[in-house]
Amino acid sequence: EAGSEDIDILPNGLAFISSGLKYPGVKSFAPDKPGEIFLMDLNEDKPRAVELRISRGFDLASFNPHGISTYVD
């Protein structure tokens, strides 16, 4: 109900997860925390989501991810 917003799974089993969407009418457990992107390796016996560090210079305070997609070249 109030977990990740979206997930995209690559053919190699890596999953990217967007979290932290703030939207009117949707409950937020951390309203003052910026959005996050997590990585999960679904090939592991006990996969766990690991928060990815976002590069310096990115406006993290306004990061409000809604959806996620990947491009494989």
PDB file of N, CA and C in Angstrom:
ATOM      1  N   GLU A   1       0.819  -1.210   0.000  1.00  0.00           N
ATOM      2  CA  GLU A   1       0.000   0.000   0.000  1.00  0.00           C
ATOM      3  C   GLU A   1       0.855   1.263   0.000  1.00  0.00           C
ATOM      4  N   ALA A   2       1.935   1.272   0.771  1.00  0.00           N
ATOM      5  CA  ALA A   2       2.761   2.479   0.839  1.00  0.00           C
ATOM      6  C   ALA A   2       4.231   2.122   0.666  1.00  0.00           C
ATOM      7  N   GLY A   3       4.520   1.128  -0.171  1.00  0.00           N
ATOM      8  CA  GLY A   3       5.907   0.696  -0.372  1.00  0.00           C
ATOM      9  C   GLY A   3       6.512   1.336  -1.593  1.00  0.00           C
ATOM     10  N   SER A   4       7.210   0.549  -2.373  1.00  0.00           N
ATOM     11  CA  SER A   4       7.870   1.090  -3.557  1.00  0.00           C
ATOM     12  C   SER A   4       6.832   1.516  -4.589  1.00  0.00           C
ATOM     13  N   GLU A   5       7.250   2.455  -5.440  1.00  0.00           N
ATOM     14  CA  GLU A   5       6.322   2.979  -6.442  1.00  0.00           C
ATOM     15  C   GLU A   5       6.380   2.150  -7.716  1.00  0.00           C
ATOM     16  N   ASP A   6       7.585   1.708  -8.098  1.00  0.00           N
ATOM     17  CA  ASP A   6       7.705   0.961  -9.350  1.00  0.00           C
ATOM     18  C   ASP A   6       8.969   0.104  -9.299  1.00  0.00           C
ATOM     19  N   ILE A   7       9.030  -0.886 -10.178  1.00  0.00           N
ATOM     20  CA  ILE A   7      10.187  -1.774 -10.249  1.00  0.00           C
ATOM     21  C   ILE A   7      10.427  -2.124 -11.711  1.00  0.00           C
ATOM     22  N   ASP A   8      11.706  -2.230 -12.081  1.00  0.00           N
ATOM     23  CA  ASP A   8      12.070  -2.659 -13.426  1.00  0.00           C
ATOM     24  C   ASP A   8      13.145  -3.728 -13.276  1.00  0.00           C
ATOM     25  N   ILE A   9      12.907  -4.899 -13.839  1.00  0.00           N
ATOM     26  CA  ILE A   9      13.826  -6.026 -13.698  1.00  0.00           C
ATOM     27  C   ILE A   9      14.549  -6.257 -15.024  1.00  0.00           C
ATOM     28  N   LEU A  10      15.880  -6.235 -14.961  1.00  0.00           N
ATOM     29  CA  LEU A  10      16.704  -6.468 -16.149  1.00  0.00           C
ATOM     30  C   LEU A  10      16.778  -7.962 -16.449  1.00  0.00           C
ATOM     31  N   PRO A  11      17.114  -8.332 -17.685  1.00  0.00           N
ATOM     32  CA  PRO A  11      17.224  -9.756 -18.029  1.00  0.00           C
ATOM     33  C   PRO A  11      18.231 -10.526 -17.170  1.00  0.00           C
ATOM     34  N   ASN A  12      19.228  -9.836 -16.599  1.00  0.00           N
ATOM     35  CA  ASN A  12      20.234 -10.512 -15.780  1.00  0.00           C
ATOM     36  C   ASN A  12      19.805 -10.685 -14.319  1.00  0.00           C
ATOM     37  N   GLY A  13      18.583 -10.273 -13.978  1.00  0.00           N
ATOM     38  CA  GLY A  13      18.069 -10.472 -12.634  1.00  0.00           C
ATOM     39  C   GLY A  13      18.258  -9.313 -11.690  1.00  0.00           C
ATOM     40  N   LEU A  14      18.848  -8.210 -12.143  1.00  0.00           N
ATOM     41  CA  LEU A  14      18.961  -7.028 -11.290  1.00  0.00           C
ATOM     42  C   LEU A  14      17.658  -6.242 -11.367  1.00  0.00           C
ATOM     43  N   ALA A  15      17.175  -5.838 -10.208  1.00  0.00           N
ATOM     44  CA  ALA A  15      15.921  -5.085 -10.136  1.00  0.00           C
ATOM     45  C   ALA A  15      16.195  -3.693  -9.592  1.00  0.00           C
ATOM     46  N   PHE A  16      15.697  -2.684 -10.283  1.00  0.00           N
ATOM     47  CA  PHE A  16      15.772  -1.304  -9.824  1.00  0.00           C
ATOM     48  C   PHE A  16      14.392  -0.909  -9.305  1.00  0.00           C
ATOM     49  N   ILE A  17      14.364  -0.328  -8.121  1.00  0.00           N
ATOM     50  CA  ILE A  17      13.112  -0.031  -7.435  1.00  0.00           C
ATOM     51  C   ILE A  17      13.072   1.450  -7.084  1.00  0.00           C
ATOM     52  N   SER A  18      12.008   2.142  -7.485  1.00  0.00           N
ATOM     53  CA  SER A  18      11.840   3.541  -7.087  1.00  0.00           C
ATOM     54  C   SER A  18      10.932   3.591  -5.869  1.00  0.00           C
ATOM     55  N   SER A  19      11.241   4.506  -4.968  1.00  0.00           N
ATOM     56  CA  SER A  19      10.495   4.610  -3.726  1.00  0.00           C
ATOM     57  C   SER A  19      10.462   6.067  -3.271  1.00  0.00           C
ATOM     58  N   GLY A  20       9.449   6.395  -2.517  1.00  0.00           N
ATOM     59  CA  GLY A  20       9.379   7.733  -1.937  1.00  0.00           C
ATOM     60  C   GLY A  20       8.434   8.680  -2.644  1.00  0.00           C
ATOM     61  N   LEU A  21       7.536   8.176  -3.459  1.00  0.00           N
ATOM     62  CA  LEU A  21       6.590   9.045  -4.149  1.00  0.00           C
ATOM     63  C   LEU A  21       5.722   9.782  -3.149  1.00  0.00           C
ATOM     64  N   LYS A  22       5.645  11.083  -3.331  1.00  0.00           N
ATOM     65  CA  LYS A  22       4.747  11.900  -2.519  1.00  0.00           C
ATOM     66  C   LYS A  22       3.684  12.455  -3.444  1.00  0.00           C
ATOM     67  N   TYR A  23       2.458  12.104  -3.154  1.00  0.00           N
ATOM     68  CA  TYR A  23       1.343  12.459  -4.011  1.00  0.00           C
ATOM     69  C   TYR A  23       0.145  12.773  -3.125  1.00  0.00           C
ATOM     70  N   PRO A  24      -0.598  13.819  -3.430  1.00  0.00           N
ATOM     71  CA  PRO A  24      -1.759  14.151  -2.587  1.00  0.00           C
ATOM     72  C   PRO A  24      -2.706  12.962  -2.437  1.00  0.00           C
ATOM     73  N   GLY A  25      -3.065  12.668  -1.196  1.00  0.00           N
ATOM     74  CA  GLY A  25      -3.992  11.578  -0.924  1.00  0.00           C
ATOM     75  C   GLY A  25      -3.335  10.236  -0.720  1.00  0.00           C
ATOM     76  N   VAL A  26      -2.012  10.130  -0.966  1.00  0.00           N
ATOM     77  CA  VAL A  26      -1.295   8.885  -0.776  1.00  0.00           C
ATOM     78  C   VAL A  26      -0.469   9.007   0.499  1.00  0.00           C
ATOM     79  N   LYS A  27      -0.637   8.051   1.414  1.00  0.00           N
ATOM     80  CA  LYS A  27       0.072   8.093   2.692  1.00  0.00           C
ATOM     81  C   LYS A  27       1.573   7.949   2.471  1.00  0.00           C
ATOM     82  N   SER A  28       2.349   8.779   3.175  1.00  0.00           N
ATOM     83  CA  SER A  28       3.806   8.703   3.129  1.00  0.00           C
ATOM     84  C   SER A  28       4.314   8.456   4.547  1.00  0.00           C
ATOM     85  N   PHE A  29       5.112   7.385   4.718  1.00  0.00           N
ATOM     86  CA  PHE A  29       5.664   7.089   6.033  1.00  0.00           C
ATOM     87  C   PHE A  29       6.848   7.994   6.366  1.00  0.00           C
ATOM     88  N   ALA A  30       7.415   8.654   5.382  1.00  0.00           N
ATOM     89  CA  ALA A  30       8.549   9.552   5.599  1.00  0.00           C
ATOM     90  C   ALA A  30       8.366  10.806   4.751  1.00  0.00           C
ATOM     91  N   PRO A  31       7.422  11.664   5.116  1.00  0.00           N
ATOM     92  CA  PRO A  31       7.105  12.823   4.270  1.00  0.00           C
ATOM     93  C   PRO A  31       8.256  13.806   4.097  1.00  0.00           C
ATOM     94  N   ASP A  32       9.211  13.829   5.025  1.00  0.00           N
ATOM     95  CA  ASP A  32      10.330  14.766   4.922  1.00  0.00           C
ATOM     96  C   ASP A  32      11.573  14.153   4.276  1.00  0.00           C
ATOM     97  N   LYS A  33      11.498  12.886   3.897  1.00  0.00           N
ATOM     98  CA  LYS A  33      12.639  12.192   3.307  1.00  0.00           C
ATOM     99  C   LYS A  33      12.508  12.206   1.782  1.00  0.00           C
ATOM    100  N   PRO A  34      13.604  12.490   1.061  1.00  0.00           N
ATOM    101  CA  PRO A  34      13.519  12.488  -0.404  1.00  0.00           C
ATOM    102  C   PRO A  34      13.330  11.079  -0.955  1.00  0.00           C
ATOM    103  N   GLY A  35      13.008  10.994  -2.216  1.00  0.00           N
ATOM    104  CA  GLY A  35      12.839   9.704  -2.871  1.00  0.00           C
ATOM    105  C   GLY A  35      14.142   8.942  -2.938  1.00  0.00           C
ATOM    106  N   GLU A  36      14.038   7.656  -3.262  1.00  0.00           N
ATOM    107  CA  GLU A  36      15.210   6.790  -3.306  1.00  0.00           C
ATOM    108  C   GLU A  36      15.106   5.808  -4.462  1.00  0.00           C
ATOM    109  N   ILE A  37      16.259   5.295  -4.871  1.00  0.00           N
ATOM    110  CA  ILE A  37      16.327   4.202  -5.837  1.00  0.00           C
ATOM    111  C   ILE A  37      17.079   3.065  -5.151  1.00  0.00           C
ATOM    112  N   PHE A  38      16.521   1.873  -5.230  1.00  0.00           N
ATOM    113  CA  PHE A  38      17.135   0.696  -4.629  1.00  0.00           C
ATOM    114  C   PHE A  38      17.515  -0.286  -5.725  1.00  0.00           C
ATOM    115  N   LEU A  39      18.491  -1.137  -5.422  1.00  0.00           N
ATOM    116  CA  LEU A  39      18.913  -2.206  -6.325  1.00  0.00           C
ATOM    117  C   LEU A  39      18.776  -3.526  -5.584  1.00  0.00           C
ATOM    118  N   MET A  40      18.219  -4.523  -6.261  1.00  0.00           N
ATOM    119  CA  MET A  40      18.073  -5.847  -5.671  1.00  0.00           C
ATOM    120  C   MET A  40      18.530  -6.872  -6.698  1.00  0.00           C
ATOM    121  N   ASP A  41      19.406  -7.782  -6.269  1.00  0.00           N
ATOM    122  CA  ASP A  41      19.883  -8.854  -7.145  1.00  0.00           C
ATOM    123  C   ASP A  41      19.021 -10.087  -6.888  1.00  0.00           C
ATOM    124  N   LEU A  42      18.124 -10.375  -7.802  1.00  0.00           N
ATOM    125  CA  LEU A  42      17.187 -11.476  -7.635  1.00  0.00           C
ATOM    126  C   LEU A  42      17.836 -12.840  -7.831  1.00  0.00           C
ATOM    127  N   ASN A  43      19.129 -12.866  -8.194  1.00  0.00           N
ATOM    128  CA  ASN A  43      19.862 -14.122  -8.323  1.00  0.00           C
ATOM    129  C   ASN A  43      20.378 -14.631  -6.975  1.00  0.00           C
ATOM    130  N   GLU A  44      20.375 -13.782  -5.974  1.00  0.00           N
ATOM    131  CA  GLU A  44      20.872 -14.162  -4.652  1.00  0.00           C
ATOM    132  C   GLU A  44      19.861 -15.063  -3.950  1.00  0.00           C
ATOM    133  N   ASP A  45      20.353 -15.916  -3.053  1.00  0.00           N
ATOM    134  CA  ASP A  45      19.465 -16.797  -2.286  1.00  0.00           C
ATOM    135  C   ASP A  45      18.487 -16.003  -1.428  1.00  0.00           C
ATOM    136  N   LYS A  46      18.976 -14.948  -0.812  1.00  0.00           N
ATOM    137  CA  LYS A  46      18.134 -14.086   0.019  1.00  0.00           C
ATOM    138  C   LYS A  46      18.309 -12.642  -0.455  1.00  0.00           C
ATOM    139  N   PRO A  47      17.642 -12.278  -1.549  1.00  0.00           N
ATOM    140  CA  PRO A  47      17.818 -10.925  -2.094  1.00  0.00           C
ATOM    141  C   PRO A  47      17.366  -9.862  -1.096  1.00  0.00           C
ATOM    142  N   ARG A  48      18.101  -8.751  -1.080  1.00  0.00           N
ATOM    143  CA  ARG A  48      17.702  -7.623  -0.245  1.00  0.00           C
ATOM    144  C   ARG A  48      17.922  -6.341  -1.030  1.00  0.00           C
ATOM    145  N   ALA A  49      17.077  -5.376  -0.778  1.00  0.00           N
ATOM    146  CA  ALA A  49      17.172  -4.097  -1.466  1.00  0.00           C
ATOM    147  C   ALA A  49      18.268  -3.252  -0.823  1.00  0.00           C
ATOM    148  N   VAL A  50      19.137  -2.686  -1.668  1.00  0.00           N
ATOM    149  CA  VAL A  50      20.226  -1.827  -1.221  1.00  0.00           C
ATOM    150  C   VAL A  50      20.008  -0.451  -1.838  1.00  0.00           C
ATOM    151  N   GLU A  51      20.014   0.576  -0.996  1.00  0.00           N
ATOM    152  CA  GLU A  51      19.813   1.936  -1.499  1.00  0.00           C
ATOM    153  C   GLU A  51      21.023   2.364  -2.325  1.00  0.00           C
ATOM    154  N   LEU A  52      20.768   2.897  -3.523  1.00  0.00           N
ATOM    155  CA  LEU A  52      21.846   3.403  -4.364  1.00  0.00           C
ATOM    156  C   LEU A  52      22.167   4.844  -3.976  1.00  0.00           C
ATOM    157  N   ARG A  53      23.441   5.160  -3.970  1.00  0.00           N
ATOM    158  CA  ARG A  53      23.873   6.526  -3.669  1.00  0.00           C
ATOM    159  C   ARG A  53      23.671   7.377  -4.918  1.00  0.00           C
ATOM    160  N   ILE A  54      23.105   8.540  -4.746  1.00  0.00           N
ATOM    161  CA  ILE A  54      22.845   9.435  -5.871  1.00  0.00           C
ATOM    162  C   ILE A  54      23.978  10.453  -5.957  1.00  0.00           C
ATOM    163  N   SER A  55      24.424  10.723  -7.160  1.00  0.00           N
ATOM    164  CA  SER A  55      25.574  11.594  -7.406  1.00  0.00           C
ATOM    165  C   SER A  55      25.421  12.975  -6.792  1.00  0.00           C
ATOM    166  N   ARG A  56      26.565  13.545  -6.422  1.00  0.00           N
ATOM    167  CA  ARG A  56      26.590  14.924  -5.932  1.00  0.00           C
ATOM    168  C   ARG A  56      26.105  15.846  -7.031  1.00  0.00           C
ATOM    169  N   GLY A  57      25.495  16.943  -6.639  1.00  0.00           N
ATOM    170  CA  GLY A  57      25.016  17.910  -7.612  1.00  0.00           C
ATOM    171  C   GLY A  57      23.573  17.663  -8.032  1.00  0.00           C
ATOM    172  N   PHE A  58      23.048  16.497  -7.698  1.00  0.00           N
ATOM    173  CA  PHE A  58      21.659  16.170  -8.017  1.00  0.00           C
ATOM    174  C   PHE A  58      20.766  16.806  -6.960  1.00  0.00           C
ATOM    175  N   ASP A  59      19.647  17.388  -7.365  1.00  0.00           N
ATOM    176  CA  ASP A  59      18.727  18.032  -6.418  1.00  0.00           C
ATOM    177  C   ASP A  59      17.929  16.955  -5.689  1.00  0.00           C
ATOM    178  N   LEU A  60      18.544  16.358  -4.695  1.00  0.00           N
ATOM    179  CA  LEU A  60      17.938  15.259  -3.958  1.00  0.00           C
ATOM    180  C   LEU A  60      16.712  15.699  -3.161  1.00  0.00           C
ATOM    181  N   ALA A  61      16.714  16.938  -2.689  1.00  0.00           N
ATOM    182  CA  ALA A  61      15.612  17.423  -1.860  1.00  0.00           C
ATOM    183  C   ALA A  61      14.274  17.372  -2.596  1.00  0.00           C
ATOM    184  N   SER A  62      14.305  17.532  -3.918  1.00  0.00           N
ATOM    185  CA  SER A  62      13.050  17.524  -4.680  1.00  0.00           C
ATOM    186  C   SER A  62      12.838  16.212  -5.432  1.00  0.00           C
ATOM    187  N   PHE A  63      13.666  15.213  -5.167  1.00  0.00           N
ATOM    188  CA  PHE A  63      13.552  13.928  -5.867  1.00  0.00           C
ATOM    189  C   PHE A  63      12.287  13.203  -5.417  1.00  0.00           C
ATOM    190  N   ASN A  64      11.381  13.006  -6.353  1.00  0.00           N
ATOM    191  CA  ASN A  64      10.069  12.431  -6.085  1.00  0.00           C
ATOM    192  C   ASN A  64       9.767  11.430  -7.201  1.00  0.00           C
ATOM    193  N   PRO A  65      10.448  10.252  -7.188  1.00  0.00           N
ATOM    194  CA  PRO A  65      10.345   9.338  -8.323  1.00  0.00           C
ATOM    195  C   PRO A  65       8.955   8.744  -8.518  1.00  0.00           C
ATOM    196  N   HIS A  66       8.487   8.834  -9.740  1.00  0.00           N
ATOM    197  CA  HIS A  66       7.203   8.241 -10.113  1.00  0.00           C
ATOM    198  C   HIS A  66       7.454   7.351 -11.313  1.00  0.00           C
ATOM    199  N   GLY A  67       7.697   6.081 -11.021  1.00  0.00           N
ATOM    200  CA  GLY A  67       8.001   5.138 -12.082  1.00  0.00           C
ATOM    201  C   GLY A  67       9.501   4.995 -12.263  1.00  0.00           C
ATOM    202  N   ILE A  68       9.878   4.002 -13.031  1.00  0.00           N
ATOM    203  CA  ILE A  68      11.280   3.791 -13.371  1.00  0.00           C
ATOM    204  C   ILE A  68      11.328   2.906 -14.605  1.00  0.00           C
ATOM    205  N   SER A  69      12.315   3.147 -15.446  1.00  0.00           N
ATOM    206  CA  SER A  69      12.528   2.267 -16.592  1.00  0.00           C
ATOM    207  C   SER A  69      14.026   2.231 -16.861  1.00  0.00           C
ATOM    208  N   THR A  70      14.469   1.199 -17.546  1.00  0.00           N
ATOM    209  CA  THR A  70      15.875   1.044 -17.863  1.00  0.00           C
ATOM    210  C   THR A  70      16.041   0.886 -19.363  1.00  0.00           C
ATOM    211  N   TYR A  71      17.242   1.175 -19.825  1.00  0.00           N
ATOM    212  CA  TYR A  71      17.581   1.002 -21.223  1.00  0.00           C
ATOM    213  C   TYR A  71      18.838   0.152 -21.275  1.00  0.00           C
ATOM    214  N   VAL A  72      18.810  -0.952 -21.961  1.00  0.00           N
ATOM    215  CA  VAL A  72      19.958  -1.817 -22.112  1.00  0.00           C
ATOM    216  C   VAL A  72      20.485  -1.657 -23.524  1.00  0.00           C
ATOM    217  N   ASP A  73      21.745  -1.294 -23.651  1.00  0.00           N
ATOM    218  CA  ASP A  73      22.366  -1.068 -24.957  1.00  0.00           C
ATOM    219  C   ASP A  73      23.212  -2.266 -25.332  1.00  0.00           C
TER     220      ASP A  73
END
